[in-house]
């Protein structure tokens, strides 16, 4: 009797988790789809910085890259973009 009860409890726990898992994955996928196409402030600032940099408008580029870096302080791309733009402004 104890074995049957333990099996029933274990089965319900396993099946409960099994049936709930796809729902949480679906929710994660739905959230991912919502944010996939959305541009963040960081993305917009970086894009504006690259556009200005390509037009050799280094002051505007630096402003945009610094905005992006303020939003994501540890982002390597924003950090490198600021460094490269500062070099251009210094004439290097």
Foldseek 3Di string as FASTA:
>chain_A
DVVVVVVVVVVCVVVVCVVVVVVVVVVVVVVCVVCVPDDDLLNVLQVQLVVCVVVVVLVSNLVSLVVSCVVPVPDPVSVVSNVVSVCVVVVD
